[in-house]
C-alpha cells in the first residue's frame, strides 16, 4: 500500500453566511452595502423566506446569502451589521 495518497482540496474551508432581515427593503439595502463594507466580490443572493403556515406577504422574512469561499468574513461583524437593520446572522 502506498503512502503517497493524493489530497483533494474540495474547497470545504469556505463558509456561507445567512443574514435574516425583516423585509425586502432592508434585505436590498444590506445586499447593496455588503460589497463596500466587507469587500465581498460575489453578489449576495436575496431569498424570500415565508414563515410556515403563513400566506400573507407581511409574514415573510428575507434572507441575504453570502458565499465566503475563503472563510474570511467575521461573523460577529456580520451580526452587528444585520442588527443595524433589525436582523440577525443565522447560526449554522
N, C-alpha and C. Protein backbone atom coordinates (compact mmCIF):
# COMPACT_ATOMS: atom_id res chain seq x y z
N UNK A 1 0.85 -1.18 0.00
CA UNK A 1 0.00 0.00 0.00
C UNK A 1 0.89 1.24 0.00
N UNK A 2 0.58 2.20 -0.84
CA UNK A 2 1.39 3.39 -0.99
C UNK A 2 1.01 4.45 0.03
N UNK A 3 2.04 5.14 0.55
CA UNK A 3 1.81 6.26 1.47
C UNK A 3 1.56 7.56 0.72
N UNK A 4 1.68 7.53 -0.60
CA UNK A 4 1.52 8.74 -1.42
C UNK A 4 0.09 8.89 -1.90
N UNK A 5 -0.83 9.05 -0.96
CA UNK A 5 -2.24 9.23 -1.30
C UNK A 5 -2.47 10.70 -1.59
N UNK A 6 -3.01 11.03 -2.78
CA UNK A 6 -3.23 12.44 -3.09
C UNK A 6 -4.32 13.04 -2.20
N UNK A 7 -4.10 14.28 -1.83
CA UNK A 7 -5.06 15.01 -1.03
C UNK A 7 -5.86 15.90 -1.97
N UNK A 8 -7.17 15.79 -1.90
CA UNK A 8 -8.04 16.58 -2.76
C UNK A 8 -8.63 17.71 -1.94
N UNK A 9 -8.37 18.93 -2.35
CA UNK A 9 -8.95 20.10 -1.68
C UNK A 9 -10.26 20.41 -2.37
N UNK A 10 -11.36 20.15 -1.71
CA UNK A 10 -12.68 20.38 -2.29
C UNK A 10 -13.25 21.74 -1.92
N UNK A 11 -12.42 22.61 -1.39
CA UNK A 11 -12.88 23.94 -1.06
C UNK A 11 -13.81 23.98 0.14
N UNK A 12 -13.66 23.03 1.05
CA UNK A 12 -14.56 22.94 2.19
C UNK A 12 -14.20 23.91 3.31
N UNK A 13 -13.17 24.71 3.11
CA UNK A 13 -12.79 25.66 4.15
C UNK A 13 -13.64 26.91 4.12
N UNK A 14 -14.40 27.13 3.08
CA UNK A 14 -15.24 28.32 2.94
C UNK A 14 -16.47 28.25 3.84
N UNK A 15 -17.24 29.30 3.78
CA UNK A 15 -18.44 29.39 4.61
C UNK A 15 -19.56 30.05 3.83
N UNK A 16 -20.75 29.83 4.31
CA UNK A 16 -21.94 30.52 3.79
C UNK A 16 -22.56 31.21 4.99
N UNK A 17 -22.82 32.50 4.85
CA UNK A 17 -23.43 33.28 5.92
C UNK A 17 -24.83 33.68 5.48
N UNK A 18 -25.78 33.57 6.39
CA UNK A 18 -27.16 33.93 6.08
C UNK A 18 -27.63 35.00 7.05
N UNK A 19 -27.93 36.16 6.49
CA UNK A 19 -28.48 37.25 7.29
C UNK A 19 -29.99 37.23 7.13
N UNK A 20 -30.71 37.29 8.23
CA UNK A 20 -32.17 37.28 8.21
C UNK A 20 -32.63 38.70 8.47
N UNK A 21 -33.43 39.24 7.53
CA UNK A 21 -33.91 40.62 7.61
C UNK A 21 -35.43 40.65 7.66
N UNK A 22 -36.00 41.69 8.27
CA UNK A 22 -37.45 41.73 8.47
C UNK A 22 -38.28 41.95 7.21
N UNK A 23 -37.68 42.56 6.17
CA UNK A 23 -38.45 42.83 4.96
C UNK A 23 -37.53 42.98 3.75
N UNK A 24 -38.15 43.06 2.59
CA UNK A 24 -37.39 43.13 1.34
C UNK A 24 -36.52 44.38 1.26
N UNK A 25 -37.07 45.50 1.69
CA UNK A 25 -36.33 46.76 1.62
C UNK A 25 -35.03 46.68 2.42
N UNK A 26 -35.11 46.15 3.63
CA UNK A 26 -33.91 46.01 4.46
C UNK A 26 -32.92 45.06 3.80
N UNK A 27 -33.42 43.94 3.25
CA UNK A 27 -32.54 42.97 2.60
C UNK A 27 -31.83 43.58 1.39
N UNK A 28 -32.54 44.36 0.61
CA UNK A 28 -31.94 45.00 -0.56
C UNK A 28 -30.88 46.01 -0.14
N UNK A 29 -31.15 46.78 0.92
CA UNK A 29 -30.17 47.75 1.42
C UNK A 29 -28.91 47.05 1.91
N UNK A 30 -29.10 45.94 2.64
CA UNK A 30 -27.97 45.18 3.15
C UNK A 30 -27.15 44.61 1.99
N UNK A 31 -27.82 44.00 1.03
CA UNK A 31 -27.12 43.41 -0.12
C UNK A 31 -26.34 44.46 -0.90
N UNK A 32 -26.89 45.65 -1.00
CA UNK A 32 -26.23 46.73 -1.72
C UNK A 32 -25.00 47.24 -0.95
N UNK A 33 -25.07 47.26 0.38
CA UNK A 33 -23.99 47.81 1.19
C UNK A 33 -22.87 46.79 1.47
N UNK A 34 -23.16 45.51 1.37
CA UNK A 34 -22.18 44.48 1.71
C UNK A 34 -20.86 44.58 0.94
N UNK A 35 -20.87 44.74 -0.38
CA UNK A 35 -19.59 44.77 -1.10
C UNK A 35 -18.65 45.89 -0.62
N UNK A 36 -19.20 47.06 -0.41
CA UNK A 36 -18.36 48.18 0.03
C UNK A 36 -17.90 47.99 1.48
N UNK A 37 -18.80 47.56 2.33
CA UNK A 37 -18.49 47.46 3.75
C UNK A 37 -17.58 46.29 4.08
N UNK A 38 -17.76 45.16 3.38
CA UNK A 38 -17.00 43.96 3.72
C UNK A 38 -16.07 43.51 2.60
N UNK A 39 -16.09 44.20 1.46
CA UNK A 39 -15.18 43.87 0.38
C UNK A 39 -15.47 42.55 -0.31
N UNK A 40 -16.71 42.10 -0.27
CA UNK A 40 -17.03 40.85 -0.94
C UNK A 40 -17.15 41.07 -2.44
N UNK A 41 -16.69 40.11 -3.21
CA UNK A 41 -16.69 40.25 -4.67
C UNK A 41 -17.97 39.67 -5.28
N UNK A 42 -18.45 38.58 -4.71
CA UNK A 42 -19.63 37.93 -5.27
C UNK A 42 -20.90 38.61 -4.76
N UNK A 43 -21.85 38.82 -5.66
CA UNK A 43 -23.10 39.47 -5.29
C UNK A 43 -23.90 38.57 -4.35
N UNK A 44 -24.37 39.11 -3.22
CA UNK A 44 -25.19 38.32 -2.30
C UNK A 44 -26.51 37.92 -2.95
N UNK A 45 -27.04 36.82 -2.51
CA UNK A 45 -28.30 36.30 -3.04
C UNK A 45 -29.44 36.68 -2.09
N UNK A 46 -30.55 37.19 -2.62
CA UNK A 46 -31.73 37.53 -1.82
C UNK A 46 -32.75 36.40 -1.96
N UNK A 47 -33.30 35.97 -0.82
CA UNK A 47 -34.28 34.88 -0.82
C UNK A 47 -35.42 35.25 0.11
N UNK A 48 -36.65 35.13 -0.37
CA UNK A 48 -37.83 35.38 0.46
C UNK A 48 -38.11 34.12 1.26
N UNK A 49 -38.27 34.27 2.56
CA UNK A 49 -38.50 33.14 3.46
C UNK A 49 -39.85 33.31 4.14
N UNK A 50 -40.88 32.66 3.60
CA UNK A 50 -42.22 32.74 4.16
C UNK A 50 -42.29 31.85 5.39
N UNK A 51 -42.81 32.37 6.47
CA UNK A 51 -42.94 31.59 7.69
C UNK A 51 -43.94 30.46 7.48
N UNK A 52 -43.68 29.33 8.07
CA UNK A 52 -44.51 28.14 7.89
C UNK A 52 -45.97 28.43 8.21
N UNK A 53 -46.86 28.03 7.30
CA UNK A 53 -48.29 28.18 7.52
C UNK A 53 -48.83 29.57 7.27
N UNK A 54 -48.02 30.47 6.81
CA UNK A 54 -48.47 31.85 6.59
C UNK A 54 -48.50 32.15 5.09
N UNK A 55 -49.61 32.69 4.62
CA UNK A 55 -49.73 33.06 3.21
C UNK A 55 -49.52 34.55 2.99
N UNK A 56 -49.61 35.33 4.03
CA UNK A 56 -49.54 36.78 3.94
C UNK A 56 -48.09 37.23 3.73
N UNK A 57 -47.87 38.08 2.75
CA UNK A 57 -46.53 38.58 2.46
C UNK A 57 -45.95 39.36 3.64
N UNK A 58 -46.81 39.88 4.50
CA UNK A 58 -46.33 40.62 5.66
C UNK A 58 -45.56 39.71 6.63
N UNK A 59 -45.79 38.41 6.53
CA UNK A 59 -45.12 37.47 7.43
C UNK A 59 -43.84 36.90 6.83
N UNK A 60 -43.39 37.46 5.74
CA UNK A 60 -42.18 36.97 5.08
C UNK A 60 -40.95 37.68 5.62
N UNK A 61 -39.92 36.89 5.88
CA UNK A 61 -38.61 37.44 6.18
C UNK A 61 -37.80 37.31 4.90
N UNK A 62 -36.73 38.06 4.83
CA UNK A 62 -35.86 37.98 3.67
C UNK A 62 -34.47 37.56 4.13
N UNK A 63 -33.87 36.70 3.36
CA UNK A 63 -32.53 36.20 3.66
C UNK A 63 -31.55 36.80 2.66
N UNK A 64 -30.39 37.18 3.17
CA UNK A 64 -29.28 37.59 2.32
C UNK A 64 -28.21 36.53 2.50
N UNK A 65 -27.95 35.78 1.44
CA UNK A 65 -27.00 34.68 1.49
C UNK A 65 -25.67 35.16 0.92
N UNK A 66 -24.62 35.01 1.72
CA UNK A 66 -23.29 35.47 1.34
C UNK A 66 -22.37 34.27 1.27
N UNK A 67 -21.80 34.02 0.09
CA UNK A 67 -20.81 32.96 -0.06
C UNK A 67 -19.46 33.54 0.34
N UNK A 68 -18.75 32.82 1.18
CA UNK A 68 -17.46 33.26 1.71
C UNK A 68 -16.45 32.14 1.49
N UNK A 69 -16.03 31.91 0.23
CA UNK A 69 -15.18 30.76 -0.06
C UNK A 69 -13.86 30.76 0.69
N UNK A 70 -13.32 31.92 1.00
CA UNK A 70 -12.06 31.99 1.73
C UNK A 70 -12.26 31.90 3.24
N UNK A 71 -13.51 32.01 3.70
CA UNK A 71 -13.78 31.95 5.13
C UNK A 71 -13.24 33.16 5.88
N UNK A 72 -13.13 34.30 5.20
CA UNK A 72 -12.51 35.47 5.80
C UNK A 72 -13.44 36.48 6.43
N UNK A 73 -14.75 36.31 6.28
CA UNK A 73 -15.67 37.28 6.86
C UNK A 73 -15.87 37.00 8.35
N UNK A 74 -15.93 38.06 9.13
CA UNK A 74 -16.09 37.95 10.57
C UNK A 74 -17.58 37.83 10.92
N UNK A 75 -17.99 36.68 11.45
CA UNK A 75 -19.41 36.51 11.80
C UNK A 75 -19.92 37.56 12.78
N UNK A 76 -19.10 37.97 13.73
CA UNK A 76 -19.54 38.98 14.70
C UNK A 76 -19.81 40.32 14.00
N UNK A 77 -18.99 40.68 13.03
CA UNK A 77 -19.19 41.92 12.28
C UNK A 77 -20.45 41.82 11.42
N UNK A 78 -20.69 40.65 10.82
CA UNK A 78 -21.90 40.45 10.04
C UNK A 78 -23.14 40.53 10.93
N UNK A 79 -23.05 39.96 12.12
CA UNK A 79 -24.17 40.00 13.08
C UNK A 79 -24.48 41.45 13.47
N UNK A 80 -23.45 42.22 13.75
CA UNK A 80 -23.63 43.63 14.12
C UNK A 80 -24.23 44.43 12.95
N UNK A 81 -23.79 44.13 11.73
CA UNK A 81 -24.30 44.80 10.55
C UNK A 81 -25.78 44.48 10.36
N UNK A 82 -26.16 43.21 10.46
CA UNK A 82 -27.57 42.81 10.33
C UNK A 82 -28.42 43.47 11.41
N UNK A 83 -27.87 43.59 12.60
CA UNK A 83 -28.59 44.20 13.72
C UNK A 83 -28.95 45.66 13.43
N UNK A 84 -28.13 46.34 12.65
CA UNK A 84 -28.41 47.73 12.27
C UNK A 84 -29.72 47.82 11.48
N UNK A 85 -30.12 46.72 10.86
CA UNK A 85 -31.34 46.67 10.04
C UNK A 85 -32.42 45.81 10.70
N UNK A 86 -32.30 45.63 12.02
CA UNK A 86 -33.24 44.82 12.80
C UNK A 86 -33.27 43.36 12.36
N UNK A 87 -32.11 42.87 11.94
CA UNK A 87 -31.96 41.48 11.52
C UNK A 87 -30.95 40.78 12.37
N UNK A 88 -30.56 39.59 11.93
CA UNK A 88 -29.57 38.80 12.66
C UNK A 88 -28.86 37.86 11.70
N UNK A 89 -27.74 37.31 12.19
CA UNK A 89 -27.00 36.30 11.45
C UNK A 89 -27.50 34.94 11.89
N UNK A 90 -27.94 34.15 10.93
CA UNK A 90 -28.45 32.81 11.22
C UNK A 90 -27.28 31.90 11.62
N UNK A 91 -27.41 31.26 12.76
CA UNK A 91 -26.36 30.35 13.22
C UNK A 91 -26.45 29.05 12.43
N UNK A 92 -25.31 28.52 12.04
CA UNK A 92 -25.30 27.26 11.28
C UNK A 92 -24.75 26.15 12.13
